[in-house]
């Protein structure tokens, strides 16, 4: 037996099946609480989680035998990466498993915004037939700026390739990544040229609240804004202000600074957000499809071979 793995979240059964086939003793307990996990984690070499709770210093210190943390998703912001590295605990994630879902979701949001789908649908249902008021924009010929060119950014760029757009991308942590789908540029070029801005970056101390009033002020053209990354990267108030000023023509937000209710409804900006006709909202489901549910677990299981 290679060791014991505790699944503390809802993962597709294929992860358990393939891990067991490799010789792991897998305990699938998606309803387990954090307190219950702390009480038994010392017996495990691995833990698999989605977003249920933080895998922090307290939990890792309670797990002297822990060799790896498997995150069923792309981001690692619910894991204390620095402490895991200090303890020699390997981190596994699966951006390959939901990159197509995120890319398609971003495309869907962008098309919905540019063609006023939300407002037009609401009006027709209310008996209003306003063609002129719902006239949209075409993607062809526009310049799409992508911040972050990892699995998600490249997936979005690839899916844009059939729309005859100009795709430019900036990534602070890599260079030389120009390919058939996007051209590497500086942040200055993103600011000057973008008709569309889409975020595909992780949440870090450096990126938290990166998109604020000052950041948006520098863009040369009114733009459509998409965030399928992490909500805390963006100041929602700044986005709403930019919409009111005409600097943002429409915003697609799959993620928010504060998520889930009732916490979201307690935010000062929530009432303005929910009434904003130029905003399309989804509940952090960009990477969460019936297909990605399985693919994420397949990718994670495959990465166990490298442990």
C-alpha atoms as a PDB file:
ATOM      1  CA  UNK A   1       0.000   0.000   0.000  1.00  0.00           C
ATOM      2  CA  UNK A   2       1.341   3.430  -0.989  1.00  0.00           C
ATOM      3  CA  UNK A   3      -0.455   5.262   1.795  1.00  0.00           C
ATOM      4  CA  UNK A   4      -3.814   6.653   2.800  1.00  0.00           C
ATOM      5  CA  UNK A   5      -5.645   9.504   1.086  1.00  0.00           C
ATOM      6  CA  UNK A   6      -8.509  11.415   2.697  1.00  0.00           C
ATOM      7  CA  UNK A   7     -11.018  12.990   0.297  1.00  0.00           C
ATOM      8  CA  UNK A   8     -12.743  15.806   2.192  1.00  0.00           C
ATOM      9  CA  UNK A   9     -14.774  17.244  -0.693  1.00  0.00           C
ATOM     10  CA  UNK A  10     -16.990  16.252  -3.611  1.00  0.00           C
ATOM     11  CA  UNK A  11     -14.666  14.681  -6.196  1.00  0.00           C
ATOM     12  CA  UNK A  12     -15.668  12.527  -9.135  1.00  0.00           C
ATOM     13  CA  UNK A  13     -15.421   8.808  -8.199  1.00  0.00           C
ATOM     14  CA  UNK A  14     -12.766   8.290 -10.902  1.00  0.00           C
ATOM     15  CA  UNK A  15     -10.149   9.832  -8.583  1.00  0.00           C
ATOM     16  CA  UNK A  16     -10.762   7.235  -5.892  1.00  0.00           C
ATOM     17  CA  UNK A  17     -10.902   4.414  -8.434  1.00  0.00           C
ATOM     18  CA  UNK A  18      -7.602   5.303 -10.095  1.00  0.00           C
ATOM     19  CA  UNK A  19      -5.820   6.139  -6.839  1.00  0.00           C
ATOM     20  CA  UNK A  20      -6.908   2.773  -5.400  1.00  0.00           C
ATOM     21  CA  UNK A  21      -5.662   1.035  -8.537  1.00  0.00           C
ATOM     22  CA  UNK A  22      -2.231   2.592  -7.865  1.00  0.00           C
ATOM     23  CA  UNK A  23      -2.178   1.080  -4.401  1.00  0.00           C
ATOM     24  CA  UNK A  24      -3.561   3.889  -2.235  1.00  0.00           C
ATOM     25  CA  UNK A  25      -6.065   3.302   0.540  1.00  0.00           C
ATOM     26  CA  UNK A  26      -8.631   6.017  -0.241  1.00  0.00           C
ATOM     27  CA  UNK A  27     -11.220   7.209   2.252  1.00  0.00           C
ATOM     28  CA  UNK A  28     -13.949   9.213   0.532  1.00  0.00           C
ATOM     29  CA  UNK A  29     -15.658  11.455   3.126  1.00  0.00           C
ATOM     30  CA  UNK A  30     -17.153  14.469   1.301  1.00  0.00           C
ATOM     31  CA  UNK A  31     -19.295  15.444   4.315  1.00  0.00           C
ATOM     32  CA  UNK A  32     -16.452  15.503   6.827  1.00  0.00           C
ATOM     33  CA  UNK A  33     -16.013  18.727   8.810  1.00  0.00           C
ATOM     34  CA  UNK A  34     -12.783  20.608   9.391  1.00  0.00           C
ATOM     35  CA  UNK A  35     -12.824  19.632  13.062  1.00  0.00           C
ATOM     36  CA  UNK A  36     -13.253  15.968  12.178  1.00  0.00           C
ATOM     37  CA  UNK A  37     -10.457  16.267   9.626  1.00  0.00           C
ATOM     38  CA  UNK A  38      -8.089  17.753  12.198  1.00  0.00           C
ATOM     39  CA  UNK A  39      -8.809  14.821  14.505  1.00  0.00           C
ATOM     40  CA  UNK A  40      -7.781  12.137  11.986  1.00  0.00           C
ATOM     41  CA  UNK A  41      -5.472  13.749   9.416  1.00  0.00           C
ATOM     42  CA  UNK A  42      -2.364  12.482  11.228  1.00  0.00           C
ATOM     43  CA  UNK A  43      -3.138   9.029   9.803  1.00  0.00           C
ATOM     44  CA  UNK A  44      -2.973  10.175   6.175  1.00  0.00           C
ATOM     45  CA  UNK A  45      -0.262  10.707   3.590  1.00  0.00           C
ATOM     46  CA  UNK A  46      -2.541  12.661   1.244  1.00  0.00           C
ATOM     47  CA  UNK A  47      -5.602  14.916   1.320  1.00  0.00           C
ATOM     48  CA  UNK A  48      -7.851  15.860  -1.601  1.00  0.00           C
ATOM     49  CA  UNK A  49      -9.972  19.019  -1.473  1.00  0.00           C
ATOM     50  CA  UNK A  50     -11.872  21.459  -3.688  1.00  0.00           C
ATOM     51  CA  UNK A  51     -12.903  24.604  -1.799  1.00  0.00           C
ATOM     52  CA  UNK A  52     -14.475  23.223   1.361  1.00  0.00           C
ATOM     53  CA  UNK A  53     -12.023  24.736   3.828  1.00  0.00           C
ATOM     54  CA  UNK A  54      -8.518  26.128   4.079  1.00  0.00           C
ATOM     55  CA  UNK A  55      -5.590  23.772   4.130  1.00  0.00           C
ATOM     56  CA  UNK A  56      -3.564  25.988   6.422  1.00  0.00           C
ATOM     57  CA  UNK A  57      -0.702  25.782   8.902  1.00  0.00           C
ATOM     58  CA  UNK A  58      -2.937  24.384  11.644  1.00  0.00           C
ATOM     59  CA  UNK A  59      -4.132  21.508   9.499  1.00  0.00           C
ATOM     60  CA  UNK A  60      -0.681  20.695   8.111  1.00  0.00           C
ATOM     61  CA  UNK A  61       0.875  20.727  11.580  1.00  0.00           C
ATOM     62  CA  UNK A  62      -1.751  18.179  12.610  1.00  0.00           C
ATOM     63  CA  UNK A  63      -0.623  15.955   9.718  1.00  0.00           C
ATOM     64  CA  UNK A  64       2.983  14.852  10.337  1.00  0.00           C
ATOM     65  CA  UNK A  65       2.750  12.141   7.655  1.00  0.00           C
ATOM     66  CA  UNK A  66       1.237  14.357   4.953  1.00  0.00           C
ATOM     67  CA  UNK A  67       3.150  14.062   1.670  1.00  0.00           C
ATOM     68  CA  UNK A  68       0.787  15.781  -0.742  1.00  0.00           C
ATOM     69  CA  UNK A  69      -2.304  17.952  -1.076  1.00  0.00           C
ATOM     70  CA  UNK A  70      -4.450  17.369  -4.164  1.00  0.00           C
ATOM     71  CA  UNK A  71      -6.507  20.435  -5.083  1.00  0.00           C
ATOM     72  CA  UNK A  72      -9.396  19.542  -7.395  1.00  0.00           C
ATOM     73  CA  UNK A  73      -9.289  22.737  -9.432  1.00  0.00           C
ATOM     74  CA  UNK A  74      -6.821  25.287 -10.751  1.00  0.00           C
ATOM     75  CA  UNK A  75      -6.046  27.819  -8.028  1.00  0.00           C
ATOM     76  CA  UNK A  76      -4.109  27.084  -4.852  1.00  0.00           C
ATOM     77  CA  UNK A  77      -5.255  30.140  -2.885  1.00  0.00           C
ATOM     78  CA  UNK A  78      -7.064  27.998  -0.283  1.00  0.00           C
ATOM     79  CA  UNK A  79      -3.745  26.336   0.585  1.00  0.00           C
ATOM     80  CA  UNK A  80      -0.873  27.880   2.556  1.00  0.00           C
ATOM     81  CA  UNK A  81       1.691  27.268  -0.180  1.00  0.00           C
ATOM     82  CA  UNK A  82       4.625  28.728   1.731  1.00  0.00           C
ATOM     83  CA  UNK A  83       4.080  26.498   4.756  1.00  0.00           C
ATOM     84  CA  UNK A  84       3.516  23.440   2.557  1.00  0.00           C
ATOM     85  CA  UNK A  85       6.850  24.101   0.857  1.00  0.00           C
ATOM     86  CA  UNK A  86       8.506  24.506   4.262  1.00  0.00           C
ATOM     87  CA  UNK A  87       7.112  21.129   5.318  1.00  0.00           C
ATOM     88  CA  UNK A  88       8.099  19.463   2.029  1.00  0.00           C
ATOM     89  CA  UNK A  89       4.468  18.751   1.136  1.00  0.00           C
ATOM     90  CA  UNK A  90       3.861  18.451  -2.597  1.00  0.00           C
ATOM     91  CA  UNK A  91       0.955  20.392  -4.103  1.00  0.00           C
ATOM     92  CA  UNK A  92      -1.079  18.981  -6.971  1.00  0.00           C
ATOM     93  CA  UNK A  93      -3.706  20.914  -8.909  1.00  0.00           C
ATOM     94  CA  UNK A  94      -5.600  20.348 -12.135  1.00  0.00           C
ATOM     95  CA  UNK A  95      -5.927  23.430 -14.359  1.00  0.00           C
ATOM     96  CA  UNK A  96      -5.834  21.108 -17.360  1.00  0.00           C
ATOM     97  CA  UNK A  97      -9.120  19.645 -16.173  1.00  0.00           C
ATOM     98  CA  UNK A  98     -11.214  22.813 -16.255  1.00  0.00           C
ATOM     99  CA  UNK A  99      -9.403  25.084 -18.704  1.00  0.00           C
ATOM    100  CA  UNK A 100     -11.885  24.345 -21.490  1.00  0.00           C
ATOM    101  CA  UNK A 101     -14.810  25.074 -19.186  1.00  0.00           C
ATOM    102  CA  UNK A 102     -13.318  28.437 -18.187  1.00  0.00           C
ATOM    103  CA  UNK A 103     -12.452  29.373 -21.769  1.00  0.00           C
ATOM    104  CA  UNK A 104     -15.959  28.592 -22.989  1.00  0.00           C
ATOM    105  CA  UNK A 105     -17.584  30.383 -20.056  1.00  0.00           C
ATOM    106  CA  UNK A 106     -15.567  33.526 -20.751  1.00  0.00           C
ATOM    107  CA  UNK A 107     -16.595  33.391 -24.422  1.00  0.00           C
ATOM    108  CA  UNK A 108     -20.238  32.981 -23.397  1.00  0.00           C
ATOM    109  CA  UNK A 109     -20.110  35.954 -21.041  1.00  0.00           C
ATOM    110  CA  UNK A 110     -18.414  38.119 -23.637  1.00  0.00           C
ATOM    111  CA  UNK A 111     -20.957  37.337 -26.355  1.00  0.00           C
ATOM    112  CA  UNK A 112     -23.830  37.880 -23.925  1.00  0.00           C
ATOM    113  CA  UNK A 113     -22.467  41.313 -22.983  1.00  0.00           C
ATOM    114  CA  UNK A 114     -21.682  42.455 -26.502  1.00  0.00           C
ATOM    115  CA  UNK A 115     -25.143  41.455 -27.734  1.00  0.00           C
ATOM    116  CA  UNK A 116     -27.207  42.584 -24.717  1.00  0.00           C
ATOM    117  CA  UNK A 117     -28.644  39.097 -24.164  1.00  0.00           C
ATOM    118  CA  UNK A 118     -29.558  39.744 -20.529  1.00  0.00           C
ATOM    119  CA  UNK A 119     -31.414  42.991 -21.115  1.00  0.00           C
ATOM    120  CA  UNK A 120     -33.027  41.878 -24.380  1.00  0.00           C
ATOM    121  CA  UNK A 121     -34.347  38.664 -22.842  1.00  0.00           C
ATOM    122  CA  UNK A 122     -35.819  40.549 -19.876  1.00  0.00           C
ATOM    123  CA  UNK A 123     -37.505  43.121 -22.105  1.00  0.00           C
ATOM    124  CA  UNK A 124     -39.084  40.608 -24.486  1.00  0.00           C
ATOM    125  CA  UNK A 125     -40.498  38.708 -21.522  1.00  0.00           C
ATOM    126  CA  UNK A 126     -42.033  41.999 -20.341  1.00  0.00           C
ATOM    127  CA  UNK A 127     -43.590  42.718 -23.729  1.00  0.00           C
ATOM    128  CA  UNK A 128     -40.972  45.224 -24.902  1.00  0.00           C
ATOM    129  CA  UNK A 129     -39.650  44.879 -28.476  1.00  0.00           C
ATOM    130  CA  UNK A 130     -36.692  47.292 -28.657  1.00  0.00           C
ATOM    131  CA  UNK A 131     -34.352  46.447 -31.535  1.00  0.00           C
ATOM    132  CA  UNK A 132     -32.416  49.703 -31.497  1.00  0.00           C
ATOM    133  CA  UNK A 133     -31.912  49.707 -27.745  1.00  0.00           C
ATOM    134  CA  UNK A 134     -30.442  46.207 -27.912  1.00  0.00           C
ATOM    135  CA  UNK A 135     -28.187  46.668 -30.917  1.00  0.00           C
ATOM    136  CA  UNK A 136     -24.883  44.949 -30.176  1.00  0.00           C
ATOM    137  CA  UNK A 137     -21.249  44.836 -31.214  1.00  0.00           C
ATOM    138  CA  UNK A 138     -19.338  42.293 -33.294  1.00  0.00           C
ATOM    139  CA  UNK A 139     -16.164  40.679 -32.050  1.00  0.00           C
ATOM    140  CA  UNK A 140     -14.501  40.656 -35.451  1.00  0.00           C
ATOM    141  CA  UNK A 141     -11.674  43.169 -35.668  1.00  0.00           C
ATOM    142  CA  UNK A 142     -11.620  43.878 -31.928  1.00  0.00           C
ATOM    143  CA  UNK A 143      -8.504  43.586 -29.776  1.00  0.00           C
ATOM    144  CA  UNK A 144      -8.826  41.219 -26.823  1.00  0.00           C
ATOM    145  CA  UNK A 145      -6.363  41.715 -23.983  1.00  0.00           C
ATOM    146  CA  UNK A 146      -5.614  38.759 -21.733  1.00  0.00           C
ATOM    147  CA  UNK A 147      -3.885  39.117 -18.364  1.00  0.00           C
ATOM    148  CA  UNK A 148      -2.248  35.814 -17.450  1.00  0.00           C
ATOM    149  CA  UNK A 149      -1.334  33.278 -20.118  1.00  0.00           C
ATOM    150  CA  UNK A 150      -1.397  29.964 -18.311  1.00  0.00           C
ATOM    151  CA  UNK A 151      -3.826  27.134 -19.009  1.00  0.00           C
ATOM    152  CA  UNK A 152      -6.916  29.367 -18.641  1.00  0.00           C
ATOM    153  CA  UNK A 153      -5.640  32.336 -20.616  1.00  0.00           C
ATOM    154  CA  UNK A 154      -4.459  30.162 -23.475  1.00  0.00           C
ATOM    155  CA  UNK A 155      -7.743  28.239 -23.519  1.00  0.00           C
ATOM    156  CA  UNK A 156      -9.660  31.509 -23.864  1.00  0.00           C
ATOM    157  CA  UNK A 157      -7.312  32.714 -26.611  1.00  0.00           C
ATOM    158  CA  UNK A 158      -7.647  29.435 -28.508  1.00  0.00           C
ATOM    159  CA  UNK A 159     -11.425  29.620 -28.399  1.00  0.00           C
ATOM    160  CA  UNK A 160     -11.290  33.187 -29.727  1.00  0.00           C
ATOM    161  CA  UNK A 161      -9.290  32.111 -32.773  1.00  0.00           C
ATOM    162  CA  UNK A 162     -12.365  31.641 -34.951  1.00  0.00           C
ATOM    163  CA  UNK A 163     -13.700  35.167 -34.334  1.00  0.00           C
ATOM    164  CA  UNK A 164     -11.102  37.097 -36.378  1.00  0.00           C
ATOM    165  CA  UNK A 165      -9.954  39.128 -33.389  1.00  0.00           C
ATOM    166  CA  UNK A 166      -6.522  40.383 -32.399  1.00  0.00           C
ATOM    167  CA  UNK A 167      -5.481  38.667 -29.174  1.00  0.00           C
ATOM    168  CA  UNK A 168      -2.719  40.163 -27.065  1.00  0.00           C
ATOM    169  CA  UNK A 169      -1.532  38.803 -23.732  1.00  0.00           C
ATOM    170  CA  UNK A 170       0.545  39.905 -20.774  1.00  0.00           C
ATOM    171  CA  UNK A 171       2.003  37.610 -18.144  1.00  0.00           C
ATOM    172  CA  UNK A 172       4.353  38.980 -15.511  1.00  0.00           C
ATOM    173  CA  UNK A 173       5.843  35.581 -14.767  1.00  0.00           C
ATOM    174  CA  UNK A 174       6.696  34.292 -18.231  1.00  0.00           C
ATOM    175  CA  UNK A 175       8.134  35.538 -21.511  1.00  0.00           C
ATOM    176  CA  UNK A 176       8.453  34.212 -25.034  1.00  0.00           C
ATOM    177  CA  UNK A 177       4.963  32.683 -25.019  1.00  0.00           C
ATOM    178  CA  UNK A 178       3.598  34.164 -28.251  1.00  0.00           C
ATOM    179  CA  UNK A 179       1.843  31.443 -30.227  1.00  0.00           C
ATOM    180  CA  UNK A 180      -0.815  30.922 -32.888  1.00  0.00           C
ATOM    181  CA  UNK A 181      -3.502  32.261 -30.546  1.00  0.00           C
ATOM    182  CA  UNK A 182      -2.006  35.323 -28.846  1.00  0.00           C
ATOM    183  CA  UNK A 183       0.848  37.808 -29.152  1.00  0.00           C
ATOM    184  CA  UNK A 184       2.891  38.615 -26.069  1.00  0.00           C
ATOM    185  CA  UNK A 185       2.850  42.312 -25.183  1.00  0.00           C
ATOM    186  CA  UNK A 186       3.589  44.632 -22.284  1.00  0.00           C
ATOM    187  CA  UNK A 187       0.962  45.798 -19.813  1.00  0.00           C
ATOM    188  CA  UNK A 188       1.237  49.212 -21.495  1.00  0.00           C
ATOM    189  CA  UNK A 189       0.092  47.695 -24.787  1.00  0.00           C
ATOM    190  CA  UNK A 190      -2.811  45.942 -23.046  1.00  0.00           C
ATOM    191  CA  UNK A 191      -3.913  49.299 -21.664  1.00  0.00           C
ATOM    192  CA  UNK A 192      -3.567  51.100 -25.011  1.00  0.00           C
ATOM    193  CA  UNK A 193      -5.119  48.566 -27.354  1.00  0.00           C
ATOM    194  CA  UNK A 194      -7.746  46.473 -25.557  1.00  0.00           C
ATOM    195  CA  UNK A 195     -11.403  46.532 -26.540  1.00  0.00           C
ATOM    196  CA  UNK A 196     -11.910  43.532 -24.262  1.00  0.00           C
ATOM    197  CA  UNK A 197     -10.037  42.704 -21.057  1.00  0.00           C
ATOM    198  CA  UNK A 198     -10.133  39.210 -19.554  1.00  0.00           C
ATOM    199  CA  UNK A 199      -8.399  38.118 -16.345  1.00  0.00           C
ATOM    200  CA  UNK A 200      -6.781  34.698 -15.972  1.00  0.00           C
ATOM    201  CA  UNK A 201      -4.460  35.196 -13.006  1.00  0.00           C
ATOM    202  CA  UNK A 202      -4.224  33.581  -9.562  1.00  0.00           C
ATOM    203  CA  UNK A 203      -5.002  35.377  -6.333  1.00  0.00           C
ATOM    204  CA  UNK A 204      -1.783  36.400  -4.599  1.00  0.00           C
ATOM    205  CA  UNK A 205      -0.847  39.279  -2.286  1.00  0.00           C
ATOM    206  CA  UNK A 206       0.405  41.021  -5.431  1.00  0.00           C
ATOM    207  CA  UNK A 207      -2.790  40.598  -7.463  1.00  0.00           C
ATOM    208  CA  UNK A 208      -5.313  41.279  -4.700  1.00  0.00           C
ATOM    209  CA  UNK A 209      -7.367  44.366  -5.680  1.00  0.00           C
ATOM    210  CA  UNK A 210      -5.131  44.830  -8.723  1.00  0.00           C
ATOM    211  CA  UNK A 211      -8.061  46.041 -10.818  1.00  0.00           C
ATOM    212  CA  UNK A 212      -9.029  49.224  -9.008  1.00  0.00           C
ATOM    213  CA  UNK A 213     -10.055  52.743 -10.045  1.00  0.00           C
ATOM    214  CA  UNK A 214      -6.510  53.807 -10.846  1.00  0.00           C
ATOM    215  CA  UNK A 215      -5.838  50.719 -12.958  1.00  0.00           C
ATOM    216  CA  UNK A 216      -9.037  51.101 -15.001  1.00  0.00           C
ATOM    217  CA  UNK A 217      -8.489  54.849 -15.455  1.00  0.00           C
ATOM    218  CA  UNK A 218      -5.469  54.256 -17.708  1.00  0.00           C
ATOM    219  CA  UNK A 219      -7.273  52.239 -20.407  1.00  0.00           C
ATOM    220  CA  UNK A 220      -7.514  54.241 -23.618  1.00  0.00           C
ATOM    221  CA  UNK A 221     -10.771  52.804 -24.973  1.00  0.00           C
ATOM    222  CA  UNK A 222     -14.117  51.814 -23.446  1.00  0.00           C
ATOM    223  CA  UNK A 223     -13.978  48.056 -23.006  1.00  0.00           C
ATOM    224  CA  UNK A 224     -15.816  44.899 -22.102  1.00  0.00           C
ATOM    225  CA  UNK A 225     -14.460  43.311 -18.929  1.00  0.00           C
ATOM    226  CA  UNK A 226     -14.463  39.608 -18.015  1.00  0.00           C
ATOM    227  CA  UNK A 227     -13.343  38.047 -14.730  1.00  0.00           C
ATOM    228  CA  UNK A 228     -13.365  34.258 -14.417  1.00  0.00           C
ATOM    229  CA  UNK A 229     -10.250  34.203 -12.215  1.00  0.00           C
ATOM    230  CA  UNK A 230     -10.673  35.262  -8.587  1.00  0.00           C
ATOM    231  CA  UNK A 231     -13.039  37.895  -7.249  1.00  0.00           C
ATOM    232  CA  UNK A 232     -10.569  39.419  -4.809  1.00  0.00           C
ATOM    233  CA  UNK A 233      -8.377  40.510  -7.719  1.00  0.00           C
ATOM    234  CA  UNK A 234     -11.007  43.119  -8.625  1.00  0.00           C
ATOM    235  CA  UNK A 235     -12.619  46.029  -6.801  1.00  0.00           C
ATOM    236  CA  UNK A 236     -16.307  45.618  -7.615  1.00  0.00           C
ATOM    237  CA  UNK A 237     -16.944  49.237  -6.683  1.00  0.00           C
ATOM    238  CA  UNK A 238     -14.297  50.343  -9.192  1.00  0.00           C
ATOM    239  CA  UNK A 239     -15.945  48.270 -11.938  1.00  0.00           C
ATOM    240  CA  UNK A 240     -19.379  49.708 -11.158  1.00  0.00           C
ATOM    241  CA  UNK A 241     -17.956  53.239 -11.187  1.00  0.00           C
ATOM    242  CA  UNK A 242     -16.253  52.605 -14.536  1.00  0.00           C
ATOM    243  CA  UNK A 243     -19.560  51.338 -15.966  1.00  0.00           C
ATOM    244  CA  UNK A 244     -21.323  54.482 -14.768  1.00  0.00           C
ATOM    245  CA  UNK A 245     -18.599  56.583 -16.422  1.00  0.00           C
ATOM    246  CA  UNK A 246     -18.834  54.663 -19.700  1.00  0.00           C
ATOM    247  CA  UNK A 247     -15.286  53.347 -19.350  1.00  0.00           C
ATOM    248  CA  UNK A 248     -16.573  49.769 -19.115  1.00  0.00           C
ATOM    249  CA  UNK A 249     -19.280  48.914 -21.656  1.00  0.00           C
ATOM    250  CA  UNK A 250     -20.215  45.688 -19.894  1.00  0.00           C
ATOM    251  CA  UNK A 251     -18.792  43.343 -17.250  1.00  0.00           C
ATOM    252  CA  UNK A 252     -19.041  39.574 -16.971  1.00  0.00           C
ATOM    253  CA  UNK A 253     -18.283  38.520 -13.412  1.00  0.00           C
ATOM    254  CA  UNK A 254     -18.172  34.837 -12.552  1.00  0.00           C
ATOM    255  CA  UNK A 255     -16.330  35.618  -9.328  1.00  0.00           C
ATOM    256  CA  UNK A 256     -16.747  38.341  -6.701  1.00  0.00           C
ATOM    257  CA  UNK A 257     -14.777  39.723  -3.763  1.00  0.00           C
ATOM    258  CA  UNK A 258     -17.361  38.196  -1.442  1.00  0.00           C
ATOM    259  CA  UNK A 259     -19.241  35.089  -2.511  1.00  0.00           C
ATOM    260  CA  UNK A 260     -22.291  33.193  -1.291  1.00  0.00           C
ATOM    261  CA  UNK A 261     -25.251  34.465   0.682  1.00  0.00           C
ATOM    262  CA  UNK A 262     -25.949  36.070   3.102  1.00  0.00           C
ATOM    263  CA  UNK A 263     -22.418  37.546   3.084  1.00  0.00           C
ATOM    264  CA  UNK A 264     -22.763  38.878  -0.462  1.00  0.00           C
ATOM    265  CA  UNK A 265     -26.054  40.659   0.211  1.00  0.00           C
ATOM    266  CA  UNK A 266     -24.423  42.483   3.145  1.00  0.00           C
ATOM    267  CA  UNK A 267     -21.900  44.269   0.910  1.00  0.00           C
ATOM    268  CA  UNK A 268     -22.509  47.985   0.373  1.00  0.00           C
ATOM    269  CA  UNK A 269     -22.101  47.596  -3.392  1.00  0.00           C
ATOM    270  CA  UNK A 270     -24.415  44.600  -3.803  1.00  0.00           C
ATOM    271  CA  UNK A 271     -27.630  46.547  -4.451  1.00  0.00           C
ATOM    272  CA  UNK A 272     -25.919  48.559  -7.173  1.00  0.00           C
ATOM    273  CA  UNK A 273     -24.455  45.388  -8.655  1.00  0.00           C
ATOM    274  CA  UNK A 274     -27.716  43.456  -8.801  1.00  0.00           C
ATOM    275  CA  UNK A 275     -29.476  46.347 -10.556  1.00  0.00           C
ATOM    276  CA  UNK A 276     -26.681  46.918 -13.091  1.00  0.00           C
ATOM    277  CA  UNK A 277     -28.070  46.085 -16.531  1.00  0.00           C
ATOM    278  CA  UNK A 278     -24.595  46.006 -18.086  1.00  0.00           C
ATOM    279  CA  UNK A 279     -23.351  43.242 -15.792  1.00  0.00           C
ATOM    280  CA  UNK A 280     -23.739  39.492 -16.284  1.00  0.00           C
ATOM    281  CA  UNK A 281     -23.254  37.476 -13.092  1.00  0.00           C
ATOM    282  CA  UNK A 282     -22.666  33.768 -12.539  1.00  0.00           C
ATOM    283  CA  UNK A 283     -21.968  32.016  -9.190  1.00  0.00           C
ATOM    284  CA  UNK A 284     -18.314  30.951  -9.648  1.00  0.00           C
ATOM    285  CA  UNK A 285     -19.181  28.172 -12.093  1.00  0.00           C
ATOM    286  CA  UNK A 286     -16.813  29.097 -14.933  1.00  0.00           C
ATOM    287  CA  UNK A 287     -14.679  26.024 -14.390  1.00  0.00           C
ATOM    288  CA  UNK A 288     -17.437  23.834 -12.993  1.00  0.00           C
ATOM    289  CA  UNK A 289     -19.188  21.797 -15.674  1.00  0.00           C
ATOM    290  CA  UNK A 290     -20.419  18.216 -15.782  1.00  0.00           C
ATOM    291  CA  UNK A 291     -17.420  17.513 -18.015  1.00  0.00           C
ATOM    292  CA  UNK A 292     -14.779  19.267 -15.907  1.00  0.00           C
ATOM    293  CA  UNK A 293     -16.046  17.489 -12.778  1.00  0.00           C
ATOM    294  CA  UNK A 294     -14.675  14.255 -14.216  1.00  0.00           C
ATOM    295  CA  UNK A 295     -11.663  15.684 -16.061  1.00  0.00           C
ATOM    296  CA  UNK A 296     -10.304  17.409 -12.944  1.00  0.00           C
ATOM    297  CA  UNK A 297     -10.301  14.119 -11.033  1.00  0.00           C
ATOM    298  CA  UNK A 298      -8.695  12.316 -13.962  1.00  0.00           C
ATOM    299  CA  UNK A 299      -5.883  14.872 -14.096  1.00  0.00           C
ATOM    300  CA  UNK A 300      -5.323  14.712 -10.323  1.00  0.00           C
ATOM    301  CA  UNK A 301      -5.204  10.932 -10.350  1.00  0.00           C
ATOM    302  CA  UNK A 302      -2.682  10.969 -13.192  1.00  0.00           C
ATOM    303  CA  UNK A 303      -0.450  13.353 -11.216  1.00  0.00           C
ATOM    304  CA  UNK A 304      -0.365  10.905  -8.297  1.00  0.00           C
ATOM    305  CA  UNK A 305       2.024   8.864 -10.425  1.00  0.00           C
ATOM    306  CA  UNK A 306       4.674  11.537  -9.863  1.00  0.00           C
ATOM    307  CA  UNK A 307       4.502  11.393  -6.066  1.00  0.00           C
END
